[in-house]
Each structure stands twice: as C-alpha cells, then as structure tokens.
C-alpha atoms as a PDB file:
ATOM      1  CA  MET A   1      35.569  76.434 -34.053  1.00  0.00           C
ATOM      2  CA  ARG A   2      38.242  74.730 -35.650  1.00  0.00           C
ATOM      3  CA  ASN A   3      39.360  72.789 -33.001  1.00  0.00           C
ATOM      4  CA  ILE A   4      36.127  71.485 -32.131  1.00  0.00           C
ATOM      5  CA  ASN A   5      36.188  69.775 -35.320  1.00  0.00           C
ATOM      6  CA  GLN A   6      39.535  68.409 -35.353  1.00  0.00           C
ATOM      7  CA  LEU A   7      37.963  66.325 -32.186  1.00  0.00           C
ATOM      8  CA  HIS A   8      35.116  65.226 -33.352  1.00  0.00           C
ATOM      9  CA  ARG A   9      36.391  64.284 -36.426  1.00  0.00           C
ATOM     10  CA  ASN A  10      38.394  60.748 -35.603  1.00  0.00           C
ATOM     11  CA  GLU A  11      35.503  59.070 -33.193  1.00  0.00           C
ATOM     12  CA  SER A  12      36.648  55.557 -34.901  1.00  0.00           C
ATOM     13  CA  GLY A  13      38.160  54.320 -31.274  1.00  0.00           C
ATOM     14  CA  GLN A  14      34.674  56.050 -29.367  1.00  0.00           C
ATOM     15  CA  ALA A  15      33.020  53.614 -32.008  1.00  0.00           C
ATOM     16  CA  ALA A  16      35.231  50.447 -31.466  1.00  0.00           C
ATOM     17  CA  LEU A  17      34.820  50.659 -27.368  1.00  0.00           C
ATOM     18  CA  GLU A  18      30.770  51.338 -27.949  1.00  0.00           C
ATOM     19  CA  ASN A  19      30.946  48.174 -29.350  1.00  0.00           C
ATOM     20  CA  ALA A  20      32.995  46.254 -26.970  1.00  0.00           C
ATOM     21  CA  ILE A  21      31.021  47.778 -24.342  1.00  0.00           C
ATOM     22  CA  ILE A  22      27.807  45.684 -25.861  1.00  0.00           C
ATOM     23  CA  LEU A  23      29.326  43.034 -27.011  1.00  0.00           C
ATOM     24  CA  ILE A  24      30.475  42.279 -22.900  1.00  0.00           C
ATOM     25  CA  ALA A  25      26.782  43.318 -21.804  1.00  0.00           C
ATOM     26  CA  PHE A  26      25.512  40.463 -24.405  1.00  0.00           C
ATOM     27  CA  ILE A  27      28.415  38.301 -23.148  1.00  0.00           C
ATOM     28  CA  VAL A  28      27.415  38.690 -19.883  1.00  0.00           C
ATOM     29  CA  VAL A  29      22.960  38.748 -20.369  1.00  0.00           C
ATOM     30  CA  ALA A  30      24.028  35.209 -22.074  1.00  0.00           C
ATOM     31  CA  SER A  31      26.109  33.811 -19.587  1.00  0.00           C
ATOM     32  CA  VAL A  32      23.036  34.682 -16.648  1.00  0.00           C
ATOM     33  CA  PHE A  33      20.750  33.021 -18.428  1.00  0.00           C
ATOM     34  CA  ALA A  34      22.896  29.608 -19.791  1.00  0.00           C
ATOM     35  CA  PHE A  35      23.339  29.772 -15.821  1.00  0.00           C
ATOM     36  CA  THR A  36      19.850  29.612 -14.654  1.00  0.00           C
ATOM     37  CA  ILE A  37      19.004  27.238 -17.475  1.00  0.00           C
ATOM     38  CA  LEU A  38      21.759  24.810 -16.682  1.00  0.00           C
ATOM     39  CA  SER A  39      20.205  25.285 -12.737  1.00  0.00           C
ATOM     40  CA  ALA A  40      16.287  24.017 -14.054  1.00  0.00           C
ATOM     41  CA  GLY A  41      17.672  21.415 -15.566  1.00  0.00           C
ATOM     42  CA  SER A  42      19.782  19.959 -12.175  1.00  0.00           C
ATOM     43  CA  SER A  43      16.749  20.394 -10.471  1.00  0.00           C
ATOM     44  CA  SER A  44      14.608  19.182 -12.617  1.00  0.00           C
ATOM     45  CA  THR A  45      16.803  15.920 -12.622  1.00  0.00           C
ATOM     46  CA  GLU A  46      16.916  16.051  -9.259  1.00  0.00           C
ATOM     47  CA  ARG A  47      13.554  15.730  -8.880  1.00  0.00           C
ATOM     48  CA  GLY A  48      12.903  12.593 -11.366  1.00  0.00           C
ATOM     49  CA  GLU A  49      15.708  10.830  -9.542  1.00  0.00           C
ATOM     50  CA  GLU A  50      13.037  11.479  -6.330  1.00  0.00           C
ATOM     51  CA  ALA A  51      10.404  10.048  -7.984  1.00  0.00           C
ATOM     52  CA  ILE A  52      12.598   7.027  -9.369  1.00  0.00           C
ATOM     53  CA  TYR A  53      13.741   6.029  -5.642  1.00  0.00           C
ATOM     54  CA  SER A  54      10.651   6.598  -4.045  1.00  0.00           C
ATOM     55  CA  GLY A  55       8.870   4.208  -7.211  1.00  0.00           C
ATOM     56  CA  LEU A  56      11.392   1.592  -5.964  1.00  0.00           C
ATOM     57  CA  GLU A  57      11.220   2.334  -2.235  1.00  0.00           C
ATOM     58  CA  GLY A  58       7.074   1.431  -3.029  1.00  0.00           C
ATOM     59  CA  VAL A  59       7.814  -1.928  -5.129  1.00  0.00           C
ATOM     60  CA  GLN A  60      10.635  -2.520  -3.453  1.00  0.00           C
ATOM     61  CA  SER A  61       8.269  -3.912  -0.438  1.00  0.00           C
ATOM     62  CA  SER A  62       5.298  -5.670  -2.055  1.00  0.00           C
ATOM     63  CA  MET A  63       3.760  -9.171  -1.770  1.00  0.00           C
ATOM     64  CA  SER A  64       2.779 -11.480  -3.977  1.00  0.00           C
ATOM     65  CA  ILE A  65       0.045 -14.930  -4.181  1.00  0.00           C
ATOM     66  CA  LYS A  66       1.958 -17.618  -4.044  1.00  0.00           C
ATOM     67  CA  GLY A  67      -0.526 -21.050  -4.652  1.00  0.00           C
ATOM     68  CA  ALA A  68      -4.173 -21.065  -4.937  1.00  0.00           C
ATOM     69  CA  VAL A  69      -6.563 -18.907  -3.612  1.00  0.00           C
ATOM     70  CA  ILE A  70      -8.878 -20.966  -1.880  1.00  0.00           C
ATOM     71  CA  ALA A  71     -12.644 -20.228  -0.767  1.00  0.00           C
ATOM     72  CA  GLU A  72     -14.717 -22.403   2.247  1.00  0.00           C
ATOM     73  CA  ALA A  73     -18.421 -22.118   2.760  1.00  0.00           C
ATOM     74  CA  ALA A  74     -20.564 -23.581   5.869  1.00  0.00           C
ATOM     75  CA  SER A  75     -23.293 -23.288   3.442  1.00  0.00           C
ATOM     76  CA  THR A  76     -24.898 -21.495   0.448  1.00  0.00           C
ATOM     77  CA  THR A  77     -22.144 -18.667   1.143  1.00  0.00           C
ATOM     78  CA  VAL A  78     -18.925 -18.390   1.271  1.00  0.00           C
ATOM     79  CA  ASP A  79     -16.637 -17.988   5.090  1.00  0.00           C
ATOM     80  CA  THR A  80     -13.543 -17.785   4.184  1.00  0.00           C
ATOM     81  CA  VAL A  81     -11.062 -16.825   1.385  1.00  0.00           C
ATOM     82  CA  THR A  82      -7.287 -18.337   2.250  1.00  0.00           C
ATOM     83  CA  PHE A  83      -4.345 -17.661   0.248  1.00  0.00           C
ATOM     84  CA  THR A  84      -0.968 -17.511   0.760  1.00  0.00           C
ATOM     85  CA  LEU A  85       1.761 -14.563   0.663  1.00  0.00           C
ATOM     86  CA  ALA A  86       5.326 -14.515   0.224  1.00  0.00           C
ATOM     87  CA  LEU A  87       7.790 -11.535  -0.280  1.00  0.00           C
ATOM     88  CA  VAL A  88       8.628 -10.316  -4.515  1.00  0.00           C
ATOM     89  CA  SER A  89      12.093 -11.061  -5.128  1.00  0.00           C
ATOM     90  CA  GLY A  90      14.856  -8.086  -3.182  1.00  0.00           C
ATOM     91  CA  GLY A  91      11.881  -7.016  -1.138  1.00  0.00           C
ATOM     92  CA  ASP A  92      11.945  -5.647   1.953  1.00  0.00           C
ATOM     93  CA  PRO A  93      10.088  -7.594   5.095  1.00  0.00           C
ATOM     94  CA  ILE A  94       6.702  -6.505   5.772  1.00  0.00           C
ATOM     95  CA  ASP A  95       5.545  -6.602   9.499  1.00  0.00           C
ATOM     96  CA  LEU A  96       2.276  -8.919  10.006  1.00  0.00           C
ATOM     97  CA  THR A  97       1.152  -8.903  13.344  1.00  0.00           C
ATOM     98  CA  ASP A  98      -1.085 -11.445  13.816  1.00  0.00           C
ATOM     99  CA  SER A  99      -5.367 -10.260  14.316  1.00  0.00           C
ATOM    100  CA  THR A 100      -5.478 -10.616  18.016  1.00  0.00           C
ATOM    101  CA  GLY A 101      -3.722  -7.157  18.297  1.00  0.00           C
ATOM    102  CA  ASP A 102      -3.741  -3.914  16.035  1.00  0.00           C
ATOM    103  CA  ASN A 103      -3.245  -4.568  12.450  1.00  0.00           C
ATOM    104  CA  VAL A 104       0.047  -3.584  10.892  1.00  0.00           C
ATOM    105  CA  VAL A 105      -1.417  -4.478   6.752  1.00  0.00           C
ATOM    106  CA  VAL A 106      -4.795  -3.671   6.248  1.00  0.00           C
ATOM    107  CA  ILE A 107      -7.067  -6.233   4.073  1.00  0.00           C
ATOM    108  CA  GLY A 108     -10.185  -4.412   2.712  1.00  0.00           C
ATOM    109  CA  TYR A 109     -13.512  -6.334   0.366  1.00  0.00           C
ATOM    110  CA  ARG A 110     -15.280  -4.439  -2.220  1.00  0.00           C
ATOM    111  CA  ASP A 111     -17.366  -6.240  -4.679  1.00  0.00           C
ATOM    112  CA  ALA A 112     -21.086  -4.476  -6.694  1.00  0.00           C
ATOM    113  CA  ALA A 113     -22.644  -4.376  -3.296  1.00  0.00           C
ATOM    114  CA  GLN A 114     -20.365  -2.764  -1.400  1.00  0.00           C
ATOM    115  CA  PHE A 115     -17.011  -1.989   0.449  1.00  0.00           C
ATOM    116  CA  VAL A 116     -15.311  -2.528   3.073  1.00  0.00           C
ATOM    117  CA  ASN A 117     -12.376  -0.933   4.127  1.00  0.00           C
ATOM    118  CA  GLU A 118     -11.274  -3.347   6.260  1.00  0.00           C
ATOM    119  CA  VAL A 119     -12.348  -7.063   7.233  1.00  0.00           C
ATOM    120  CA  PRO A 120     -10.811  -9.634   9.872  1.00  0.00           C
ATOM    121  CA  TRP A 121      -7.960 -11.733   9.188  1.00  0.00           C
ATOM    122  CA  ALA A 122      -5.773 -14.210  11.009  1.00  0.00           C
ATOM    123  CA  LEU A 123      -2.310 -15.466   9.313  1.00  0.00           C
ATOM    124  CA  ASP A 124      -0.514 -19.567   9.964  1.00  0.00           C
ATOM    125  CA  TRP A 125       3.129 -20.037   9.095  1.00  0.00           C
ATOM    126  CA  VAL A 126       4.365 -23.058   6.150  1.00  0.00           C
ATOM    127  CA  GLY A 127       7.073 -24.113   6.196  1.00  0.00           C
ATOM    128  CA  THR A 128      10.274 -22.523   7.595  1.00  0.00           C
ATOM    129  CA  ASN A 129       9.731 -19.416  10.465  1.00  0.00           C
ATOM    130  CA  ASP A 130      12.065 -17.486  12.385  1.00  0.00           C
ATOM    131  CA  GLY A 131       9.991 -16.817  14.959  1.00  0.00           C
ATOM    132  CA  ASP A 132       8.656 -13.345  14.390  1.00  0.00           C
ATOM    133  CA  SER A 133       5.561 -11.553  12.557  1.00  0.00           C
ATOM    134  CA  MET A 134       8.005 -10.362  10.066  1.00  0.00           C
ATOM    135  CA  LEU A 135       7.434 -11.687   6.580  1.00  0.00           C
ATOM    136  CA  GLU A 136      10.961 -12.042   5.109  1.00  0.00           C
ATOM    137  CA  ALA A 137      12.708 -13.956   1.619  1.00  0.00           C
ATOM    138  CA  GLY A 138      11.982 -17.185   1.865  1.00  0.00           C
ATOM    139  CA  GLU A 139       8.842 -17.359   4.192  1.00  0.00           C
ATOM    140  CA  LEU A 140       5.310 -17.507   3.563  1.00  0.00           C
ATOM    141  CA  ALA A 141       2.731 -16.983   5.420  1.00  0.00           C
ATOM    142  CA  GLU A 142      -1.488 -18.573   4.958  1.00  0.00           C
ATOM    143  CA  VAL A 143      -3.635 -15.809   5.146  1.00  0.00           C
ATOM    144  CA  THR A 144      -7.290 -16.246   6.049  1.00  0.00           C
ATOM    145  CA  VAL A 145      -9.870 -13.921   5.811  1.00  0.00           C
ATOM    146  CA  THR A 146     -13.002 -13.793   7.730  1.00  0.00           C
ATOM    147  CA  LEU A 147     -16.155 -12.529   5.527  1.00  0.00           C
ATOM    148  CA  SER A 148     -19.305 -13.973   7.341  1.00  0.00           C
ATOM    149  CA  ALA A 149     -19.461 -10.700   8.645  1.00  0.00           C
ATOM    150  CA  LEU A 150     -20.958  -9.066   5.881  1.00  0.00           C
ATOM    151  CA  THR A 151     -23.558  -7.003   5.093  1.00  0.00           C
ATOM    152  CA  THR A 152     -24.550  -8.744   1.635  1.00  0.00           C
ATOM    153  CA  ALA A 153     -23.172 -12.191   1.648  1.00  0.00           C
ATOM    154  CA  LEU A 154     -20.433 -13.507  -0.639  1.00  0.00           C
ATOM    155  CA  ASP A 155     -22.904 -15.402  -2.678  1.00  0.00           C
ATOM    156  CA  ARG A 156     -22.331 -18.002  -6.689  1.00  0.00           C
ATOM    157  CA  ASN A 157     -20.995 -15.974  -9.397  1.00  0.00           C
ATOM    158  CA  THR A 158     -19.968 -12.642  -7.563  1.00  0.00           C
ATOM    159  CA  PRO A 159     -17.034 -11.485  -8.456  1.00  0.00           C
ATOM    160  CA  PHE A 160     -14.734  -9.682  -5.453  1.00  0.00           C
ATOM    161  CA  THR A 161     -11.663  -8.122  -4.947  1.00  0.00           C
ATOM    162  CA  LEU A 162      -9.614  -8.056  -1.724  1.00  0.00           C
ATOM    163  CA  GLU A 163      -6.957  -5.166  -1.510  1.00  0.00           C
ATOM    164  CA  ILE A 164      -3.797  -6.246   0.436  1.00  0.00           C
ATOM    165  CA  LYS A 165      -2.223  -2.914   1.813  1.00  0.00           C
ATOM    166  CA  PRO A 166       0.781  -2.933   3.713  1.00  0.00           C
ATOM    167  CA  PRO A 167       2.153  -0.156   4.936  1.00  0.00           C
ATOM    168  CA  THR A 168       5.015   0.517   2.688  1.00  0.00           C
ATOM    169  CA  GLY A 169       4.621  -0.582  -1.295  1.00  0.00           C
ATOM    170  CA  ALA A 170       2.094  -1.229  -3.785  1.00  0.00           C
ATOM    171  CA  VAL A 171      -1.859  -2.674  -2.801  1.00  0.00           C
ATOM    172  CA  LEU A 172      -1.869  -5.933  -3.628  1.00  0.00           C
ATOM    173  CA  ASN A 173      -5.247  -6.940  -5.159  1.00  0.00           C
ATOM    174  CA  VAL A 174      -6.443 -10.661  -5.376  1.00  0.00           C
ATOM    175  CA  SER A 175      -9.417 -10.587  -7.255  1.00  0.00           C
ATOM    176  CA  ARG A 176     -11.848 -13.509  -7.708  1.00  0.00           C
ATOM    177  CA  THR A 177     -14.875 -14.957  -8.579  1.00  0.00           C
ATOM    178  CA  THR A 178     -17.323 -17.368  -6.573  1.00  0.00           C
ATOM    179  CA  PRO A 179     -17.905 -20.261  -8.750  1.00  0.00           C
ATOM    180  CA  ALA A 180     -21.879 -21.621  -9.825  1.00  0.00           C
ATOM    181  CA  ALA A 181     -22.067 -23.901  -6.918  1.00  0.00           C
ATOM    182  CA  ILE A 182     -21.181 -23.010  -3.678  1.00  0.00           C
ATOM    183  CA  GLU A 183     -18.899 -26.430  -2.101  1.00  0.00           C
ATOM    184  CA  THR A 184     -17.361 -26.913   1.173  1.00  0.00           C
ATOM    185  CA  VAL A 185     -13.821 -26.269  -0.481  1.00  0.00           C
ATOM    186  CA  MET A 186     -13.116 -23.699  -3.425  1.00  0.00           C
ATOM    187  CA  GLU A 187     -10.278 -23.305  -5.537  1.00  0.00           C
ATOM    188  CA  LEU A 188     -11.481 -19.265  -6.777  1.00  0.00           C
ATOM    189  CA  ARG A 189     -10.236 -18.400  -9.684  1.00  0.00           C
END
C-alpha cells in the first residue's frame, strides 16, 4: 500500500503536462478561428473589388447630351425630338447602328399617359467621324427620335422622358417639358 501512495504523492509533473496539452489545444482552436476569419475577410474584399469593377464598367461606356434638345412640330403636337450625344470622358465606344437595321442602342419614351420601350430614331454625324457607326471619343452623334406614332401625342405643357439605353453602361435619361405653345421648332428645357 505504501508503494502506491508514493507513486501518487508527486503529481506536479502530470498537472503541468495536462496544462500544456490544454494550452496547445486552445492555441490550435484559436488559430483555426483566426484562419476562418481571415479567409472570410479576404473573400469579402474580393467581392467588394468585383462590385467596384462592374460599377466602373457601367460608367465607362456612358454618354452625355451635348447642346440643346430641340423639338419639332408640324401641327399642334411634337413630331420629333433631336439632341446630340457624345461619350463621357474616358468612355468606351458605343455602337450606334442606325434605325434601318437592328438598333444596338434602344431609346424608350415615357410620360404620365404612356410608356413605349422602343421608339424609332435616326442617326446623323456632326463634325468629324471615322466612317463607322461607333460613337467614339471626339465624335458627336445627332439623334432624331420620331414621336408621331405615340398612342397619345406629345402635346403642350407635357413633361416627358427619353431613356437612351446602350448595351453596356448607364441609362441616360433626357427629361424635358414641352412649352405652353407648340411652335415649328422649340428648344426644350
């Protein structure tokens, strides 16, 4: 009996060994959690970068209106609206295939009475153009939108919006109001 008591009397080495094992287990578990958190942070950063790059892609191919928006009327309602498009600074070229073929750029019309997703339009180049149908840096494209086929004709004092939708990039909204008196040629504000 005495030999058994002597074996169990000095257990300080075993307690230290148990504490070391527990400490190592905590360190391993903590490192696994740290790796998981760092991996999640890295994945989140990659998704953020993807969102930024897709946003830049959408903005880079945007167009802007240069100059006035002109409406023309043959009677008491507006028949056509004409404006000039240009690329924003640093924008990618946009295909403006004319209305005799399939339009790559779609122009929609809406007002309080109706919404037409695709209205006919024609293209003419102002100034220099390299001969293709691509709107590129330094080029100006004059777009004439025909509104005579609308269900409800565009009359006086009517706010309306033309949506110019390129295949990539942001939609350009041109919101104007017709004047109180319809004339043959009008600058819309």
